[in-house]
Amino acid sequence: MKHRAINVTEFKAKCLALLDEVGKRGDTITITKRGQPLATVGPARQRARKSPEGTWAGRVVVKQDALDADTSGLWEVARQRPGARG
């Protein structure tokens, strides 16, 4: 990671290119005004991605009879034509 200092006028002129550089390489830039540090620009911290695995463990209980339910009758109703009465 590289660190450099530039004056505020140069930063203003090259802002977008400098921010791209910070994002790609992880460099940091100190912006100065009349030789005094004004601000430091660095890469944003990336949040660690949390795995969704096990998110519902211990919170949701699925009853076995719900898994074994006979739903074949529901499919017959879905196959009927709209407006047809059976």
N, C-alpha and C. Protein backbone atom coordinates (compact mmCIF):
# COMPACT_ATOMS: atom_id res chain seq x y z
N MET A 1 0.84 -1.17 0.00
CA MET A 1 0.00 0.00 0.00
C MET A 1 0.89 1.24 0.00
N LYS A 2 0.56 2.16 -0.88
CA LYS A 2 1.36 3.35 -1.06
C LYS A 2 0.64 4.55 -0.44
N HIS A 3 1.41 5.44 0.16
CA HIS A 3 0.85 6.67 0.73
C HIS A 3 1.54 7.85 0.08
N ARG A 4 0.76 8.85 -0.26
CA ARG A 4 1.35 10.06 -0.82
C ARG A 4 0.54 11.27 -0.41
N ALA A 5 1.16 12.42 -0.51
CA ALA A 5 0.51 13.68 -0.17
C ALA A 5 0.40 14.53 -1.43
N ILE A 6 -0.74 15.17 -1.61
CA ILE A 6 -0.94 16.09 -2.72
C ILE A 6 -1.67 17.33 -2.21
N ASN A 7 -1.52 18.44 -2.92
CA ASN A 7 -2.21 19.65 -2.47
C ASN A 7 -3.65 19.63 -2.95
N VAL A 8 -4.46 20.45 -2.32
CA VAL A 8 -5.90 20.45 -2.56
C VAL A 8 -6.24 20.81 -4.01
N THR A 9 -5.45 21.66 -4.64
CA THR A 9 -5.70 22.05 -6.03
C THR A 9 -5.52 20.86 -6.96
N GLU A 10 -4.46 20.08 -6.76
CA GLU A 10 -4.23 18.88 -7.57
C GLU A 10 -5.32 17.86 -7.32
N PHE A 11 -5.71 17.69 -6.06
CA PHE A 11 -6.78 16.73 -5.74
C PHE A 11 -8.07 17.12 -6.44
N LYS A 12 -8.39 18.41 -6.44
CA LYS A 12 -9.61 18.88 -7.09
C LYS A 12 -9.57 18.59 -8.60
N ALA A 13 -8.43 18.77 -9.22
CA ALA A 13 -8.31 18.57 -10.66
C ALA A 13 -8.35 17.09 -11.05
N LYS A 14 -7.85 16.22 -10.17
CA LYS A 14 -7.71 14.80 -10.51
C LYS A 14 -8.54 13.88 -9.60
N CYS A 15 -9.56 14.43 -8.97
CA CYS A 15 -10.30 13.71 -7.93
C CYS A 15 -10.77 12.32 -8.35
N LEU A 16 -11.47 12.20 -9.46
CA LEU A 16 -12.03 10.90 -9.85
C LEU A 16 -10.94 9.86 -10.13
N ALA A 17 -9.90 10.26 -10.81
CA ALA A 17 -8.80 9.34 -11.10
C ALA A 17 -8.10 8.90 -9.81
N LEU A 18 -7.92 9.83 -8.89
CA LEU A 18 -7.29 9.49 -7.62
C LEU A 18 -8.15 8.54 -6.80
N LEU A 19 -9.46 8.76 -6.79
CA LEU A 19 -10.36 7.86 -6.06
C LEU A 19 -10.38 6.46 -6.67
N ASP A 20 -10.31 6.38 -7.99
CA ASP A 20 -10.21 5.07 -8.64
C ASP A 20 -8.95 4.35 -8.21
N GLU A 21 -7.86 5.08 -8.14
CA GLU A 21 -6.58 4.52 -7.72
C GLU A 21 -6.66 4.00 -6.27
N VAL A 22 -7.27 4.76 -5.41
CA VAL A 22 -7.44 4.36 -4.02
C VAL A 22 -8.27 3.06 -3.95
N GLY A 23 -9.34 3.02 -4.73
CA GLY A 23 -10.20 1.83 -4.72
C GLY A 23 -9.54 0.59 -5.28
N LYS A 24 -8.75 0.73 -6.33
CA LYS A 24 -8.13 -0.43 -6.98
C LYS A 24 -6.91 -0.94 -6.22
N ARG A 25 -6.06 -0.02 -5.79
CA ARG A 25 -4.79 -0.43 -5.20
C ARG A 25 -4.76 -0.39 -3.68
N GLY A 26 -5.73 0.31 -3.08
CA GLY A 26 -5.73 0.43 -1.63
C GLY A 26 -4.79 1.50 -1.12
N ASP A 27 -4.36 2.41 -1.99
CA ASP A 27 -3.47 3.50 -1.58
C ASP A 27 -4.20 4.46 -0.65
N THR A 28 -3.43 5.26 0.08
CA THR A 28 -4.01 6.36 0.85
C THR A 28 -3.37 7.66 0.37
N ILE A 29 -4.17 8.72 0.43
CA ILE A 29 -3.71 10.02 -0.03
C ILE A 29 -4.01 11.05 1.07
N THR A 30 -3.02 11.83 1.42
CA THR A 30 -3.22 12.95 2.33
C THR A 30 -3.33 14.21 1.51
N ILE A 31 -4.40 14.94 1.71
CA ILE A 31 -4.63 16.18 0.97
C ILE A 31 -4.16 17.33 1.85
N THR A 32 -3.34 18.20 1.26
CA THR A 32 -2.79 19.31 2.04
C THR A 32 -3.27 20.65 1.48
N LYS A 33 -3.30 21.63 2.38
CA LYS A 33 -3.63 22.99 1.98
C LYS A 33 -2.59 23.90 2.61
N ARG A 34 -1.85 24.56 1.76
CA ARG A 34 -0.73 25.41 2.20
C ARG A 34 0.28 24.62 3.04
N GLY A 35 0.49 23.37 2.65
CA GLY A 35 1.48 22.53 3.32
C GLY A 35 0.99 21.82 4.58
N GLN A 36 -0.23 22.13 5.02
CA GLN A 36 -0.77 21.50 6.23
C GLN A 36 -1.75 20.40 5.84
N PRO A 37 -1.68 19.23 6.50
CA PRO A 37 -2.62 18.15 6.20
C PRO A 37 -4.06 18.59 6.46
N LEU A 38 -4.92 18.31 5.51
CA LEU A 38 -6.32 18.70 5.59
C LEU A 38 -7.22 17.48 5.77
N ALA A 39 -6.92 16.43 5.01
CA ALA A 39 -7.73 15.21 5.07
C ALA A 39 -6.92 14.04 4.53
N THR A 40 -7.32 12.85 4.92
CA THR A 40 -6.71 11.64 4.40
C THR A 40 -7.81 10.81 3.74
N VAL A 41 -7.54 10.37 2.53
CA VAL A 41 -8.49 9.55 1.77
C VAL A 41 -7.89 8.16 1.67
N GLY A 42 -8.69 7.15 2.05
CA GLY A 42 -8.23 5.77 1.98
C GLY A 42 -9.36 4.86 1.54
N PRO A 43 -9.05 3.61 1.31
CA PRO A 43 -10.08 2.67 0.85
C PRO A 43 -11.11 2.41 1.95
N ALA A 44 -12.34 2.19 1.53
CA ALA A 44 -13.41 1.87 2.48
C ALA A 44 -13.21 0.46 3.00
N ARG A 45 -13.59 0.24 4.23
CA ARG A 45 -13.49 -1.11 4.80
C ARG A 45 -14.57 -1.99 4.21
N GLN A 46 -14.18 -3.18 3.86
CA GLN A 46 -15.14 -4.15 3.34
C GLN A 46 -15.71 -4.94 4.50
N ARG A 47 -17.04 -4.98 4.58
CA ARG A 47 -17.65 -5.78 5.63
C ARG A 47 -17.51 -7.26 5.30
N ALA A 48 -17.23 -8.03 6.32
CA ALA A 48 -17.13 -9.47 6.12
C ALA A 48 -18.52 -10.01 5.80
N ARG A 49 -18.60 -10.83 4.78
CA ARG A 49 -19.88 -11.42 4.42
C ARG A 49 -20.21 -12.54 5.37
N LYS A 50 -21.41 -12.53 5.84
CA LYS A 50 -21.86 -13.54 6.78
C LYS A 50 -22.61 -14.63 6.01
N SER A 51 -22.26 -15.86 6.25
CA SER A 51 -22.90 -16.98 5.57
C SER A 51 -24.33 -17.14 6.08
N PRO A 52 -25.29 -17.38 5.17
CA PRO A 52 -26.66 -17.59 5.61
C PRO A 52 -26.89 -18.98 6.22
N GLU A 53 -25.90 -19.85 6.10
CA GLU A 53 -26.05 -21.20 6.61
C GLU A 53 -26.28 -21.17 8.12
N GLY A 54 -27.31 -21.87 8.54
CA GLY A 54 -27.62 -21.98 9.96
C GLY A 54 -28.34 -20.77 10.54
N THR A 55 -28.76 -19.84 9.68
CA THR A 55 -29.42 -18.63 10.17
C THR A 55 -30.69 -18.95 10.94
N TRP A 56 -31.47 -19.92 10.45
CA TRP A 56 -32.75 -20.25 11.10
C TRP A 56 -32.63 -21.41 12.09
N ALA A 57 -31.44 -21.93 12.26
CA ALA A 57 -31.26 -23.07 13.17
C ALA A 57 -31.69 -22.69 14.59
N GLY A 58 -32.54 -23.51 15.17
CA GLY A 58 -33.02 -23.27 16.52
C GLY A 58 -34.14 -22.25 16.61
N ARG A 59 -34.50 -21.63 15.51
CA ARG A 59 -35.57 -20.63 15.52
C ARG A 59 -36.86 -21.13 14.88
N VAL A 60 -36.72 -22.06 13.93
CA VAL A 60 -37.87 -22.57 13.20
C VAL A 60 -37.93 -24.08 13.37
N VAL A 61 -39.13 -24.57 13.63
CA VAL A 61 -39.34 -26.01 13.76
C VAL A 61 -40.37 -26.42 12.71
N VAL A 62 -40.02 -27.39 11.86
CA VAL A 62 -40.93 -27.89 10.85
C VAL A 62 -41.43 -29.25 11.31
N LYS A 63 -42.73 -29.32 11.48
CA LYS A 63 -43.34 -30.58 11.93
C LYS A 63 -43.28 -31.60 10.80
N GLN A 64 -43.00 -32.84 11.14
CA GLN A 64 -42.87 -33.90 10.14
C GLN A 64 -44.18 -34.11 9.39
N ASP A 65 -45.34 -34.01 10.07
CA ASP A 65 -46.61 -34.22 9.39
C ASP A 65 -46.86 -33.16 8.31
N ALA A 66 -46.27 -31.98 8.44
CA ALA A 66 -46.40 -30.96 7.40
C ALA A 66 -45.63 -31.38 6.15
N LEU A 67 -44.55 -32.10 6.33
CA LEU A 67 -43.76 -32.56 5.19
C LEU A 67 -44.41 -33.74 4.49
N ASP A 68 -45.18 -34.54 5.23
CA ASP A 68 -45.81 -35.74 4.68
C ASP A 68 -47.25 -35.50 4.22
N ALA A 69 -47.73 -34.30 4.25
CA ALA A 69 -49.13 -34.02 3.92
C ALA A 69 -49.42 -34.36 2.46
N ASP A 70 -50.64 -34.86 2.21
CA ASP A 70 -51.08 -35.19 0.86
C ASP A 70 -51.66 -33.93 0.22
N THR A 71 -50.99 -33.39 -0.77
CA THR A 71 -51.44 -32.17 -1.44
C THR A 71 -51.94 -32.44 -2.86
N SER A 72 -52.18 -33.69 -3.21
CA SER A 72 -52.60 -34.01 -4.57
C SER A 72 -53.93 -33.37 -4.93
N GLY A 73 -54.83 -33.22 -3.98
CA GLY A 73 -56.12 -32.57 -4.22
C GLY A 73 -55.96 -31.10 -4.58
N LEU A 74 -54.97 -30.48 -4.05
CA LEU A 74 -54.73 -29.07 -4.36
C LEU A 74 -54.34 -28.88 -5.82
N TRP A 75 -53.63 -29.83 -6.38
CA TRP A 75 -53.20 -29.72 -7.77
C TRP A 75 -54.38 -29.89 -8.72
N GLU A 76 -55.36 -30.69 -8.37
CA GLU A 76 -56.55 -30.87 -9.21
C GLU A 76 -57.31 -29.55 -9.32
N VAL A 77 -57.43 -28.82 -8.24
CA VAL A 77 -58.11 -27.54 -8.25
C VAL A 77 -57.35 -26.56 -9.14
N ALA A 78 -56.07 -26.59 -9.10
CA ALA A 78 -55.26 -25.68 -9.90
C ALA A 78 -55.35 -25.98 -11.39
N ARG A 79 -55.63 -27.21 -11.76
CA ARG A 79 -55.71 -27.60 -13.18
C ARG A 79 -57.04 -27.24 -13.82
N GLN A 80 -58.06 -26.92 -13.04
CA GLN A 80 -59.37 -26.58 -13.62
C GLN A 80 -59.27 -25.30 -14.42
N ARG A 81 -60.06 -25.26 -15.50
CA ARG A 81 -60.10 -24.07 -16.33
C ARG A 81 -60.82 -22.94 -15.60
N PRO A 82 -60.40 -21.70 -15.84
CA PRO A 82 -61.10 -20.58 -15.21
C PRO A 82 -62.57 -20.55 -15.65
N GLY A 83 -63.48 -20.34 -14.74
CA GLY A 83 -64.89 -20.27 -15.02
C GLY A 83 -65.58 -21.63 -15.02
N ALA A 84 -64.82 -22.72 -15.08
CA ALA A 84 -65.42 -24.06 -15.07
C ALA A 84 -65.78 -24.43 -13.64
N ARG A 85 -66.90 -25.02 -13.46
CA ARG A 85 -67.31 -25.46 -12.12
C ARG A 85 -67.38 -26.97 -12.15
N GLY A 86 -66.84 -27.55 -11.14
CA GLY A 86 -66.74 -28.97 -11.22
C GLY A 86 -67.37 -29.72 -10.18
